[in-house]
PDB file of N, CA and C in Angstrom:
ATOM      1  N   UNK A   1      40.944 131.167 134.087  1.00  0.00           N
ATOM      2  CA  UNK A   1      42.233 130.498 133.987  1.00  0.00           C
ATOM      3  C   UNK A   1      43.316 131.416 133.848  1.00  0.00           C
ATOM      4  N   UNK A   2      44.480 131.216 134.469  1.00  0.00           N
ATOM      5  CA  UNK A   2      45.328 132.274 134.528  1.00  0.00           C
ATOM      6  C   UNK A   2      46.538 131.736 133.485  1.00  0.00           C
ATOM      7  N   UNK A   3      47.514 132.742 133.181  1.00  0.00           N
ATOM      8  CA  UNK A   3      48.586 132.612 132.172  1.00  0.00           C
ATOM      9  C   UNK A   3      49.527 131.515 132.643  1.00  0.00           C
ATOM     10  N   UNK A   4      49.869 131.409 133.949  1.00  0.00           N
ATOM     11  CA  UNK A   4      51.013 130.325 134.198  1.00  0.00           C
ATOM     12  C   UNK A   4      50.346 128.968 134.175  1.00  0.00           C
ATOM     13  N   UNK A   5      49.081 128.664 134.314  1.00  0.00           N
ATOM     14  CA  UNK A   5      48.350 127.421 134.276  1.00  0.00           C
ATOM     15  C   UNK A   5      48.326 126.890 132.632  1.00  0.00           C
ATOM     16  N   UNK A   6      48.095 127.808 131.969  1.00  0.00           N
ATOM     17  CA  UNK A   6      48.102 127.732 130.392  1.00  0.00           C
ATOM     18  C   UNK A   6      49.392 127.238 129.995  1.00  0.00           C
ATOM     19  N   UNK A   7      50.509 127.856 130.501  1.00  0.00           N
ATOM     20  CA  UNK A   7      51.814 127.477 130.083  1.00  0.00           C
ATOM     21  C   UNK A   7      52.206 125.927 130.485  1.00  0.00           C
ATOM     22  N   UNK A   8      51.641 125.478 131.698  1.00  0.00           N
ATOM     23  CA  UNK A   8      51.935 124.225 132.170  1.00  0.00           C
ATOM     24  C   UNK A   8      51.273 123.281 131.263  1.00  0.00           C
ATOM     25  N   UNK A   9      49.959 123.496 130.791  1.00  0.00           N
ATOM     26  CA  UNK A   9      49.264 122.657 129.832  1.00  0.00           C
ATOM     27  C   UNK A   9      49.724 122.755 128.399  1.00  0.00           C
ATOM     28  N   UNK A  10      49.836 123.891 127.977  1.00  0.00           N
ATOM     29  CA  UNK A  10      50.130 124.256 126.555  1.00  0.00           C
ATOM     30  C   UNK A  10      51.571 123.883 126.142  1.00  0.00           C
ATOM     31  N   UNK A  11      52.517 124.183 127.025  1.00  0.00           N
ATOM     32  CA  UNK A  11      54.014 123.805 126.564  1.00  0.00           C
ATOM     33  C   UNK A  11      54.146 122.357 126.329  1.00  0.00           C
ATOM     34  N   UNK A  12      53.849 121.627 127.330  1.00  0.00           N
ATOM     35  CA  UNK A  12      54.004 120.121 126.942  1.00  0.00           C
ATOM     36  C   UNK A  12      53.234 119.450 125.677  1.00  0.00           C
ATOM     37  N   UNK A  13      52.105 120.151 125.502  1.00  0.00           N
ATOM     38  CA  UNK A  13      51.307 119.736 124.283  1.00  0.00           C
ATOM     39  C   UNK A  13      52.047 120.052 123.128  1.00  0.00           C
ATOM     40  N   UNK A  14      52.466 121.516 123.027  1.00  0.00           N
ATOM     41  CA  UNK A  14      53.270 121.941 121.885  1.00  0.00           C
ATOM     42  C   UNK A  14      54.565 121.107 121.683  1.00  0.00           C
ATOM     43  N   UNK A  15      55.308 120.831 122.661  1.00  0.00           N
ATOM     44  CA  UNK A  15      56.573 119.957 122.563  1.00  0.00           C
ATOM     45  C   UNK A  15      56.162 118.640 122.062  1.00  0.00           C
ATOM     46  N   UNK A  16      55.115 118.001 122.463  1.00  0.00           N
ATOM     47  CA  UNK A  16      54.773 116.642 122.006  1.00  0.00           C
ATOM     48  C   UNK A  16      54.429 116.791 120.480  1.00  0.00           C
ATOM     49  N   UNK A  17      53.540 117.872 120.145  1.00  0.00           N
ATOM     50  CA  UNK A  17      53.211 117.987 118.608  1.00  0.00           C
ATOM     51  C   UNK A  17      54.453 118.102 118.049  1.00  0.00           C
ATOM     52  N   UNK A  18      55.440 119.053 118.343  1.00  0.00           N
ATOM     53  CA  UNK A  18      56.725 119.299 117.433  1.00  0.00           C
ATOM     54  C   UNK A  18      57.454 118.013 117.311  1.00  0.00           C
ATOM     55  N   UNK A  19      57.392 117.163 118.364  1.00  0.00           N
ATOM     56  CA  UNK A  19      58.323 115.898 118.348  1.00  0.00           C
ATOM     57  C   UNK A  19      57.589 114.863 117.299  1.00  0.00           C
ATOM     58  N   UNK A  20      56.378 114.837 117.632  1.00  0.00           N
ATOM     59  CA  UNK A  20      55.549 113.642 117.033  1.00  0.00           C
ATOM     60  C   UNK A  20      54.728 114.026 115.701  1.00  0.00           C
ATOM     61  N   UNK A  21      54.616 115.263 115.511  1.00  0.00           N
ATOM     62  CA  UNK A  21      53.879 115.730 114.385  1.00  0.00           C
ATOM     63  C   UNK A  21      52.451 115.164 114.375  1.00  0.00           C
ATOM     64  N   UNK A  22      51.884 114.669 113.351  1.00  0.00           N
ATOM     65  CA  UNK A  22      50.429 114.193 113.218  1.00  0.00           C
ATOM     66  C   UNK A  22      50.309 112.925 114.370  1.00  0.00           C
ATOM     67  N   UNK A  23      51.410 112.383 114.660  1.00  0.00           N
ATOM     68  CA  UNK A  23      51.163 111.261 115.609  1.00  0.00           C
ATOM     69  C   UNK A  23      50.975 111.716 117.142  1.00  0.00           C
ATOM     70  N   UNK A  24      50.963 113.118 117.334  1.00  0.00           N
ATOM     71  CA  UNK A  24      50.690 113.626 118.732  1.00  0.00           C
ATOM     72  C   UNK A  24      49.434 113.225 119.227  1.00  0.00           C
ATOM     73  N   UNK A  25      49.348 112.991 120.491  1.00  0.00           N
ATOM     74  CA  UNK A  25      48.012 112.697 121.073  1.00  0.00           C
ATOM     75  C   UNK A  25      47.247 113.955 121.141  1.00  0.00           C
ATOM     76  N   UNK A  26      47.849 115.190 120.809  1.00  0.00           N
ATOM     77  CA  UNK A  26      47.208 116.336 121.051  1.00  0.00           C
ATOM     78  C   UNK A  26      46.572 116.932 119.633  1.00  0.00           C
ATOM     79  N   UNK A  27      46.938 116.363 118.602  1.00  0.00           N
ATOM     80  CA  UNK A  27      46.318 116.716 117.306  1.00  0.00           C
ATOM     81  C   UNK A  27      45.009 116.442 117.249  1.00  0.00           C
ATOM     82  N   UNK A  28      44.222 117.419 116.836  1.00  0.00           N
ATOM     83  CA  UNK A  28      42.787 117.422 116.632  1.00  0.00           C
ATOM     84  C   UNK A  28      42.288 117.275 115.324  1.00  0.00           C
ATOM     85  N   UNK A  29      41.344 116.749 115.026  1.00  0.00           N
ATOM     86  CA  UNK A  29      40.665 116.553 113.574  1.00  0.00           C
ATOM     87  C   UNK A  29      40.209 117.902 113.143  1.00  0.00           C
ATOM     88  N   UNK A  30      40.241 118.053 111.782  1.00  0.00           N
ATOM     89  CA  UNK A  30      39.694 119.337 111.287  1.00  0.00           C
ATOM     90  C   UNK A  30      38.200 119.688 111.771  1.00  0.00           C
ATOM     91  N   UNK A  31      37.469 118.624 111.918  1.00  0.00           N
ATOM     92  CA  UNK A  31      36.017 118.791 112.422  1.00  0.00           C
ATOM     93  C   UNK A  31      36.092 119.422 113.865  1.00  0.00           C
ATOM     94  N   UNK A  32      36.995 118.877 114.601  1.00  0.00           N
ATOM     95  CA  UNK A  32      37.064 119.260 116.076  1.00  0.00           C
ATOM     96  C   UNK A  32      37.512 120.738 116.074  1.00  0.00           C
ATOM     97  N   UNK A  33      38.600 121.186 115.290  1.00  0.00           N
ATOM     98  CA  UNK A  33      39.013 122.520 115.151  1.00  0.00           C
ATOM     99  C   UNK A  33      37.929 123.578 114.838  1.00  0.00           C
ATOM    100  N   UNK A  34      37.377 122.902 113.686  1.00  0.00           N
ATOM    101  CA  UNK A  34      36.252 123.757 113.147  1.00  0.00           C
ATOM    102  C   UNK A  34      35.207 124.111 114.024  1.00  0.00           C
ATOM    103  N   UNK A  35      34.889 123.053 114.871  1.00  0.00           N
ATOM    104  CA  UNK A  35      33.746 123.005 115.799  1.00  0.00           C
ATOM    105  C   UNK A  35      34.001 124.111 116.944  1.00  0.00           C
ATOM    106  N   UNK A  36      35.422 124.223 117.244  1.00  0.00           N
ATOM    107  CA  UNK A  36      35.749 125.150 118.366  1.00  0.00           C
ATOM    108  C   UNK A  36      35.932 126.681 118.023  1.00  0.00           C
ATOM    109  N   UNK A  37      35.727 126.965 116.816  1.00  0.00           N
ATOM    110  CA  UNK A  37      35.813 128.357 116.458  1.00  0.00           C
ATOM    111  C   UNK A  37      34.681 129.144 116.833  1.00  0.00           C
ATOM    112  N   UNK A  38      34.973 130.137 117.601  1.00  0.00           N
ATOM    113  CA  UNK A  38      33.832 130.917 117.869  1.00  0.00           C
ATOM    114  C   UNK A  38      33.167 131.642 116.987  1.00  0.00           C
ATOM    115  N   UNK A  39      31.867 131.608 117.008  1.00  0.00           N
ATOM    116  CA  UNK A  39      30.958 132.418 115.973  1.00  0.00           C
ATOM    117  C   UNK A  39      30.750 133.756 116.724  1.00  0.00           C
ATOM    118  N   UNK A  40      30.853 134.763 115.965  1.00  0.00           N
ATOM    119  CA  UNK A  40      30.402 136.139 116.434  1.00  0.00           C
ATOM    120  C   UNK A  40      29.224 136.597 116.094  1.00  0.00           C
ATOM    121  N   UNK A  41      28.518 137.260 117.095  1.00  0.00           N
ATOM    122  CA  UNK A  41      27.283 137.875 116.684  1.00  0.00           C
ATOM    123  C   UNK A  41      27.543 138.946 115.734  1.00  0.00           C
ATOM    124  N   UNK A  42      26.369 139.379 115.216  1.00  0.00           N
ATOM    125  CA  UNK A  42      26.318 140.758 114.320  1.00  0.00           C
ATOM    126  C   UNK A  42      26.918 141.840 115.009  1.00  0.00           C
ATOM    127  N   UNK A  43      26.513 142.018 116.212  1.00  0.00           N
ATOM    128  CA  UNK A  43      26.991 143.288 117.059  1.00  0.00           C
ATOM    129  C   UNK A  43      28.507 143.062 117.276  1.00  0.00           C
ATOM    130  N   UNK A  44      29.074 141.770 117.533  1.00  0.00           N
ATOM    131  CA  UNK A  44      30.451 141.735 117.709  1.00  0.00           C
ATOM    132  C   UNK A  44      31.171 141.956 116.503  1.00  0.00           C
ATOM    133  N   UNK A  45      30.666 141.651 115.332  1.00  0.00           N
ATOM    134  CA  UNK A  45      31.189 141.924 113.993  1.00  0.00           C
ATOM    135  C   UNK A  45      31.417 143.456 113.776  1.00  0.00           C
ATOM    136  N   UNK A  46      30.351 144.122 114.009  1.00  0.00           N
ATOM    137  CA  UNK A  46      30.176 145.561 113.852  1.00  0.00           C
ATOM    138  C   UNK A  46      31.212 146.393 114.858  1.00  0.00           C
ATOM    139  N   UNK A  47      31.254 145.645 116.078  1.00  0.00           N
ATOM    140  CA  UNK A  47      32.266 146.272 117.001  1.00  0.00           C
ATOM    141  C   UNK A  47      33.560 146.136 116.625  1.00  0.00           C
ATOM    142  N   UNK A  48      34.131 144.967 115.990  1.00  0.00           N
ATOM    143  CA  UNK A  48      35.280 144.860 115.367  1.00  0.00           C
ATOM    144  C   UNK A  48      35.454 145.937 114.440  1.00  0.00           C
ATOM    145  N   UNK A  49      34.570 146.091 113.550  1.00  0.00           N
ATOM    146  CA  UNK A  49      34.729 147.023 112.422  1.00  0.00           C
ATOM    147  C   UNK A  49      34.999 148.560 112.964  1.00  0.00           C
ATOM    148  N   UNK A  50      33.959 148.761 114.076  1.00  0.00           N
ATOM    149  CA  UNK A  50      34.110 150.227 114.694  1.00  0.00           C
ATOM    150  C   UNK A  50      35.360 150.312 115.212  1.00  0.00           C
ATOM    151  N   UNK A  51      35.857 149.523 115.947  1.00  0.00           N
ATOM    152  CA  UNK A  51      37.188 149.430 116.476  1.00  0.00           C
ATOM    153  C   UNK A  51      38.358 149.670 115.666  1.00  0.00           C
ATOM    154  N   UNK A  52      38.329 149.072 114.522  1.00  0.00           N
ATOM    155  CA  UNK A  52      39.261 149.312 113.339  1.00  0.00           C
ATOM    156  C   UNK A  52      39.267 150.815 112.831  1.00  0.00           C
ATOM    157  N   UNK A  53      37.867 151.246 112.683  1.00  0.00           N
ATOM    158  CA  UNK A  53      37.754 152.516 112.167  1.00  0.00           C
ATOM    159  C   UNK A  53      38.254 153.610 113.361  1.00  0.00           C
ATOM    160  N   UNK A  54      38.000 153.370 114.487  1.00  0.00           N
ATOM    161  CA  UNK A  54      38.571 154.154 115.480  1.00  0.00           C
ATOM    162  C   UNK A  54      40.054 154.478 115.489  1.00  0.00           C
ATOM    163  N   UNK A  55      40.784 153.087 115.146  1.00  0.00           N
ATOM    164  CA  UNK A  55      42.283 153.230 115.188  1.00  0.00           C
ATOM    165  C   UNK A  55      42.626 153.924 113.878  1.00  0.00           C
ATOM    166  N   UNK A  56      41.896 153.830 112.896  1.00  0.00           N
ATOM    167  CA  UNK A  56      42.270 154.410 111.530  1.00  0.00           C
ATOM    168  C   UNK A  56      42.091 155.946 111.756  1.00  0.00           C
ATOM    169  N   UNK A  57      41.015 156.538 112.358  1.00  0.00           N
ATOM    170  CA  UNK A  57      40.773 157.784 112.567  1.00  0.00           C
ATOM    171  C   UNK A  57      41.826 158.398 113.605  1.00  0.00           C
ATOM    172  N   UNK A  58      42.305 157.670 114.593  1.00  0.00           N
ATOM    173  CA  UNK A  58      43.148 158.058 115.486  1.00  0.00           C
ATOM    174  C   UNK A  58      44.572 158.259 114.762  1.00  0.00           C
ATOM    175  N   UNK A  59      44.886 157.307 113.900  1.00  0.00           N
ATOM    176  CA  UNK A  59      46.201 157.310 113.425  1.00  0.00           C
ATOM    177  C   UNK A  59      46.271 158.549 112.442  1.00  0.00           C
ATOM    178  N   UNK A  60      44.987 159.084 111.974  1.00  0.00           N
ATOM    179  CA  UNK A  60      45.096 160.205 111.033  1.00  0.00           C
ATOM    180  C   UNK A  60      44.792 161.401 111.679  1.00  0.00           C
ATOM    181  N   UNK A  61      44.824 161.347 113.036  1.00  0.00           N
ATOM    182  CA  UNK A  61      44.634 162.639 113.890  1.00  0.00           C
ATOM    183  C   UNK A  61      43.152 163.029 113.991  1.00  0.00           C
ATOM    184  N   UNK A  62      42.450 162.357 113.600  1.00  0.00           N
ATOM    185  CA  UNK A  62      40.872 162.710 113.807  1.00  0.00           C
ATOM    186  C   UNK A  62      40.325 162.095 115.022  1.00  0.00           C
ATOM    187  N   UNK A  63      40.629 162.809 116.027  1.00  0.00           N
ATOM    188  CA  UNK A  63      40.318 162.307 117.417  1.00  0.00           C
ATOM    189  C   UNK A  63      38.846 162.140 117.872  1.00  0.00           C
ATOM    190  N   UNK A  64      38.000 163.144 117.393  1.00  0.00           N
ATOM    191  CA  UNK A  64      36.550 163.142 117.581  1.00  0.00           C
ATOM    192  C   UNK A  64      35.850 161.822 116.870  1.00  0.00           C
ATOM    193  N   UNK A  65      36.310 161.726 115.695  1.00  0.00           N
ATOM    194  CA  UNK A  65      35.736 160.494 115.003  1.00  0.00           C
ATOM    195  C   UNK A  65      36.308 159.235 115.712  1.00  0.00           C
ATOM    196  N   UNK A  66      37.567 159.237 116.120  1.00  0.00           N
ATOM    197  CA  UNK A  66      38.036 158.142 116.741  1.00  0.00           C
ATOM    198  C   UNK A  66      37.442 157.678 117.988  1.00  0.00           C
ATOM    199  N   UNK A  67      37.131 158.780 118.714  1.00  0.00           N
ATOM    200  CA  UNK A  67      36.247 158.523 120.039  1.00  0.00           C
ATOM    201  C   UNK A  67      34.979 157.936 119.758  1.00  0.00           C
ATOM    202  N   UNK A  68      34.363 158.649 118.767  1.00  0.00           N
ATOM    203  CA  UNK A  68      32.911 158.192 118.286  1.00  0.00           C
ATOM    204  C   UNK A  68      32.854 156.721 118.048  1.00  0.00           C
ATOM    205  N   UNK A  69      33.837 156.127 117.242  1.00  0.00           N
ATOM    206  CA  UNK A  69      33.889 154.724 116.944  1.00  0.00           C
ATOM    207  C   UNK A  69      34.362 153.883 117.993  1.00  0.00           C
ATOM    208  N   UNK A  70      35.245 154.385 118.774  1.00  0.00           N
ATOM    209  CA  UNK A  70      35.585 153.655 119.943  1.00  0.00           C
ATOM    210  C   UNK A  70      34.280 153.382 120.933  1.00  0.00           C
ATOM    211  N   UNK A  71      33.569 154.531 121.270  1.00  0.00           N
ATOM    212  CA  UNK A  71      32.530 154.296 122.058  1.00  0.00           C
ATOM    213  C   UNK A  71      31.376 153.432 121.381  1.00  0.00           C
ATOM    214  N   UNK A  72      31.364 153.401 120.169  1.00  0.00           N
ATOM    215  CA  UNK A  72      30.405 152.364 119.439  1.00  0.00           C
ATOM    216  C   UNK A  72      30.920 151.013 119.593  1.00  0.00           C
ATOM    217  N   UNK A  73      32.251 150.814 119.391  1.00  0.00           N
ATOM    218  CA  UNK A  73      32.732 149.390 119.637  1.00  0.00           C
ATOM    219  C   UNK A  73      32.470 148.905 120.991  1.00  0.00           C
ATOM    220  N   UNK A  74      32.712 149.732 121.977  1.00  0.00           N
ATOM    221  CA  UNK A  74      32.400 149.278 123.486  1.00  0.00           C
ATOM    222  C   UNK A  74      31.011 148.983 123.789  1.00  0.00           C
ATOM    223  N   UNK A  75      30.148 149.896 123.008  1.00  0.00           N
ATOM    224  CA  UNK A  75      28.564 149.713 123.425  1.00  0.00           C
ATOM    225  C   UNK A  75      28.110 148.346 122.539  1.00  0.00           C
ATOM    226  N   UNK A  76      28.687 148.064 121.394  1.00  0.00           N
ATOM    227  CA  UNK A  76      28.389 146.885 120.676  1.00  0.00           C
ATOM    228  C   UNK A  76      28.827 145.697 121.338  1.00  0.00           C
ATOM    229  N   UNK A  77      30.043 145.766 121.902  1.00  0.00           N
ATOM    230  CA  UNK A  77      30.856 144.442 122.553  1.00  0.00           C
ATOM    231  C   UNK A  77      31.540 145.052 123.901  1.00  0.00           C
ATOM    232  N   UNK A  78      30.777 145.233 125.006  1.00  0.00           N
ATOM    233  CA  UNK A  78      31.449 145.693 126.104  1.00  0.00           C
ATOM    234  C   UNK A  78      32.401 144.835 126.748  1.00  0.00           C
ATOM    235  N   UNK A  79      32.261 143.428 126.386  1.00  0.00           N
ATOM    236  CA  UNK A  79      33.252 142.373 127.020  1.00  0.00           C
ATOM    237  C   UNK A  79      34.399 142.250 126.434  1.00  0.00           C
ATOM    238  N   UNK A  80      34.751 142.918 125.384  1.00  0.00           N
ATOM    239  CA  UNK A  80      35.999 142.598 124.623  1.00  0.00           C
ATOM    240  C   UNK A  80      37.286 143.370 125.299  1.00  0.00           C
ATOM    241  N   UNK A  81      37.854 142.658 126.147  1.00  0.00           N
ATOM    242  CA  UNK A  81      38.983 143.364 126.891  1.00  0.00           C
ATOM    243  C   UNK A  81      40.042 143.581 125.862  1.00  0.00           C
ATOM    244  N   UNK A  82      40.174 142.841 124.761  1.00  0.00           N
ATOM    245  CA  UNK A  82      41.188 143.083 123.862  1.00  0.00           C
ATOM    246  C   UNK A  82      41.103 144.630 123.321  1.00  0.00           C
ATOM    247  N   UNK A  83      39.985 145.076 122.958  1.00  0.00           N
ATOM    248  CA  UNK A  83      39.895 146.502 122.495  1.00  0.00           C
ATOM    249  C   UNK A  83      40.499 147.418 123.719  1.00  0.00           C
ATOM    250  N   UNK A  84      40.226 147.085 125.038  1.00  0.00           N
ATOM    251  CA  UNK A  84      40.670 147.905 126.031  1.00  0.00           C
ATOM    252  C   UNK A  84      42.011 147.846 126.097  1.00  0.00           C
ATOM    253  N   UNK A  85      42.673 146.750 126.041  1.00  0.00           N
ATOM    254  CA  UNK A  85      44.044 146.540 126.211  1.00  0.00           C
ATOM    255  C   UNK A  85      44.710 147.129 125.028  1.00  0.00           C
ATOM    256  N   UNK A  86      44.261 147.045 123.873  1.00  0.00           N
ATOM    257  CA  UNK A  86      45.014 147.686 122.763  1.00  0.00           C
ATOM    258  C   UNK A  86      44.917 149.352 122.919  1.00  0.00           C
ATOM    259  N   UNK A  87      43.749 149.778 123.412  1.00  0.00           N
ATOM    260  CA  UNK A  87      43.534 151.123 123.600  1.00  0.00           C
ATOM    261  C   UNK A  87      44.725 151.611 124.608  1.00  0.00           C
ATOM    262  N   UNK A  88      44.955 150.881 125.491  1.00  0.00           N
ATOM    263  CA  UNK A  88      45.869 151.198 126.586  1.00  0.00           C
ATOM    264  C   UNK A  88      47.194 151.324 126.215  1.00  0.00           C
ATOM    265  N   UNK A  89      47.508 150.688 124.869  1.00  0.00           N
ATOM    266  CA  UNK A  89      48.919 150.871 124.231  1.00  0.00           C
ATOM    267  C   UNK A  89      49.153 152.258 124.073  1.00  0.00           C
ATOM    268  N   UNK A  90      48.097 153.170 123.872  1.00  0.00           N
ATOM    269  CA  UNK A  90      48.363 154.500 123.555  1.00  0.00           C
ATOM    270  C   UNK A  90      48.483 155.395 124.726  1.00  0.00           C
ATOM    271  N   UNK A  91      48.529 154.900 125.794  1.00  0.00           N
ATOM    272  CA  UNK A  91      48.720 155.739 126.958  1.00  0.00           C
ATOM    273  C   UNK A  91      50.147 155.544 127.469  1.00  0.00           C
ATOM    274  N   UNK A  92      50.645 156.442 128.344  1.00  0.00           N
ATOM    275  CA  UNK A  92      52.050 156.375 129.017  1.00  0.00           C
ATOM    276  C   UNK A  92      52.151 155.176 129.642  1.00  0.00           C
ATOM    277  N   UNK A  93      50.960 154.686 130.327  1.00  0.00           N
ATOM    278  CA  UNK A  93      51.140 153.407 131.197  1.00  0.00           C
ATOM    279  C   UNK A  93      51.236 152.130 130.377  1.00  0.00           C
ATOM    280  N   UNK A  94      50.801 152.153 129.170  1.00  0.00           N
ATOM    281  CA  UNK A  94      50.976 150.984 128.387  1.00  0.00           C
ATOM    282  C   UNK A  94      49.866 149.947 128.651  1.00  0.00           C
ATOM    283  N   UNK A  95      49.904 148.908 128.038  1.00  0.00           N
ATOM    284  CA  UNK A  95      48.872 147.881 127.889  1.00  0.00           C
ATOM    285  C   UNK A  95      49.066 146.960 129.103  1.00  0.00           C
ATOM    286  N   UNK A  96      49.977 146.854 129.832  1.00  0.00           N
ATOM    287  CA  UNK A  96      50.219 146.030 130.824  1.00  0.00           C
ATOM    288  C   UNK A  96      50.265 146.383 132.291  1.00  0.00           C
ATOM    289  N   UNK A  97      49.956 147.744 132.448  1.00  0.00           N
ATOM    290  CA  UNK A  97      50.028 148.654 133.642  1.00  0.00           C
ATOM    291  C   UNK A  97      48.872 148.250 134.650  1.00  0.00           C
ATOM    292  N   UNK A  98      48.882 149.210 135.643  1.00  0.00           N
ATOM    293  CA  UNK A  98      47.903 149.053 136.782  1.00  0.00           C
ATOM    294  C   UNK A  98      46.486 149.012 136.274  1.00  0.00           C
ATOM    295  N   UNK A  99      46.192 149.936 135.334  1.00  0.00           N
ATOM    296  CA  UNK A  99      44.787 150.135 134.790  1.00  0.00           C
ATOM    297  C   UNK A  99      44.437 148.627 134.136  1.00  0.00           C
ATOM    298  N   UNK A 100      45.147 148.147 133.367  1.00  0.00           N
ATOM    299  CA  UNK A 100      44.896 146.802 132.736  1.00  0.00           C
ATOM    300  C   UNK A 100      44.619 145.750 133.835  1.00  0.00           C
ATOM    301  N   UNK A 101      45.690 145.647 134.735  1.00  0.00           N
ATOM    302  CA  UNK A 101      45.590 144.796 135.888  1.00  0.00           C
ATOM    303  C   UNK A 101      44.243 144.718 136.482  1.00  0.00           C
ATOM    304  N   UNK A 102      43.934 145.997 136.811  1.00  0.00           N
ATOM    305  CA  UNK A 102      42.529 146.243 137.477  1.00  0.00           C
ATOM    306  C   UNK A 102      41.420 145.814 136.693  1.00  0.00           C
ATOM    307  N   UNK A 103      41.322 146.209 135.362  1.00  0.00           N
ATOM    308  CA  UNK A 103      40.348 145.788 134.490  1.00  0.00           C
ATOM    309  C   UNK A 103      40.228 144.192 134.223  1.00  0.00           C
ATOM    310  N   UNK A 104      41.396 143.796 134.209  1.00  0.00           N
ATOM    311  CA  UNK A 104      41.529 142.173 134.015  1.00  0.00           C
ATOM    312  C   UNK A 104      40.831 141.592 135.271  1.00  0.00           C
ATOM    313  N   UNK A 105      41.348 142.125 136.490  1.00  0.00           N
ATOM    314  CA  UNK A 105      40.918 141.394 137.598  1.00  0.00           C
ATOM    315  C   UNK A 105      39.366 141.542 137.836  1.00  0.00           C
ATOM    316  N   UNK A 106      38.726 142.693 137.368  1.00  0.00           N
ATOM    317  CA  UNK A 106      37.303 142.804 137.380  1.00  0.00           C
ATOM    318  C   UNK A 106      36.624 141.931 136.517  1.00  0.00           C
ATOM    319  N   UNK A 107      37.375 141.699 135.345  1.00  0.00           N
ATOM    320  CA  UNK A 107      36.790 140.803 134.161  1.00  0.00           C
ATOM    321  C   UNK A 107      36.740 139.361 134.672  1.00  0.00           C
ATOM    322  N   UNK A 108      37.864 138.849 135.218  1.00  0.00           N
ATOM    323  CA  UNK A 108      37.906 137.596 135.723  1.00  0.00           C
ATOM    324  C   UNK A 108      37.038 137.388 136.934  1.00  0.00           C
ATOM    325  N   UNK A 109      36.976 138.405 138.020  1.00  0.00           N
ATOM    326  CA  UNK A 109      36.147 138.303 139.023  1.00  0.00           C
ATOM    327  C   UNK A 109      34.600 138.061 138.699  1.00  0.00           C
ATOM    328  N   UNK A 110      34.194 138.606 137.621  1.00  0.00           N
ATOM    329  CA  UNK A 110      33.008 138.585 137.137  1.00  0.00           C
ATOM    330  C   UNK A 110      32.585 137.257 136.464  1.00  0.00           C
ATOM    331  N   UNK A 111      33.496 136.216 136.529  1.00  0.00           N
ATOM    332  CA  UNK A 111      33.283 134.918 135.951  1.00  0.00           C
ATOM    333  C   UNK A 111      33.621 134.843 134.331  1.00  0.00           C
ATOM    334  N   UNK A 112      34.340 135.647 134.053  1.00  0.00           N
ATOM    335  CA  UNK A 112      34.634 135.674 132.468  1.00  0.00           C
ATOM    336  C   UNK A 112      36.064 135.206 132.277  1.00  0.00           C
ATOM    337  N   UNK A 113      36.338 134.370 131.284  1.00  0.00           N
ATOM    338  CA  UNK A 113      37.597 133.907 131.046  1.00  0.00           C
ATOM    339  C   UNK A 113      38.449 134.708 130.164  1.00  0.00           C
ATOM    340  N   UNK A 114      39.557 135.252 130.732  1.00  0.00           N
ATOM    341  CA  UNK A 114      40.465 136.132 129.829  1.00  0.00           C
ATOM    342  C   UNK A 114      41.034 135.317 128.818  1.00  0.00           C
ATOM    343  N   UNK A 115      41.452 134.250 129.220  1.00  0.00           N
ATOM    344  CA  UNK A 115      42.189 133.276 128.441  1.00  0.00           C
ATOM    345  C   UNK A 115      40.976 132.135 128.050  1.00  0.00           C
ATOM    346  N   UNK A 116      40.899 131.818 126.838  1.00  0.00           N
ATOM    347  CA  UNK A 116      39.870 130.851 126.500  1.00  0.00           C
ATOM    348  C   UNK A 116      40.308 129.431 127.073  1.00  0.00           C
ATOM    349  N   UNK A 117      39.583 128.599 127.611  1.00  0.00           N
ATOM    350  CA  UNK A 117      39.855 127.300 128.121  1.00  0.00           C
ATOM    351  C   UNK A 117      40.502 126.534 127.066  1.00  0.00           C
ATOM    352  N   UNK A 118      41.488 125.788 127.275  1.00  0.00           N
ATOM    353  CA  UNK A 118      42.237 124.950 126.398  1.00  0.00           C
ATOM    354  C   UNK A 118      41.245 123.549 126.308  1.00  0.00           C
ATOM    355  N   UNK A 119      41.133 122.878 125.135  1.00  0.00           N
ATOM    356  CA  UNK A 119      40.697 121.799 124.938  1.00  0.00           C
ATOM    357  C   UNK A 119      41.685 120.848 124.500  1.00  0.00           C
ATOM    358  N   UNK A 120      42.515 120.380 125.450  1.00  0.00           N
ATOM    359  CA  UNK A 120      43.738 119.382 125.271  1.00  0.00           C
ATOM    360  C   UNK A 120      43.377 118.062 125.842  1.00  0.00           C
TER     361      UNK A 120
END
């Protein structure tokens, strides 16, 4: 699913909710919302922690440690495109340049959703 499509679906739903509040047809029950929360595997949770440690070490100038934890994060959760995108913010190209567009294209071409499908 691409970003423009999400806008066409999401924006009207958001406007309806803002206008009608709890009477909006798009309001979901707490049980539905709770049921839609993704559960993370233990490896995904460890990858999140490793990624945060990589950022901490990078911020404190400890490049070798940062790379060690960055590699661990990608090993534990190679499909997390948000890690890659955030890491690209540290490059001259930034997080929305050609490298990211290429990576996102490969990700989507492999059948993965960059944007989580909306349940509206």
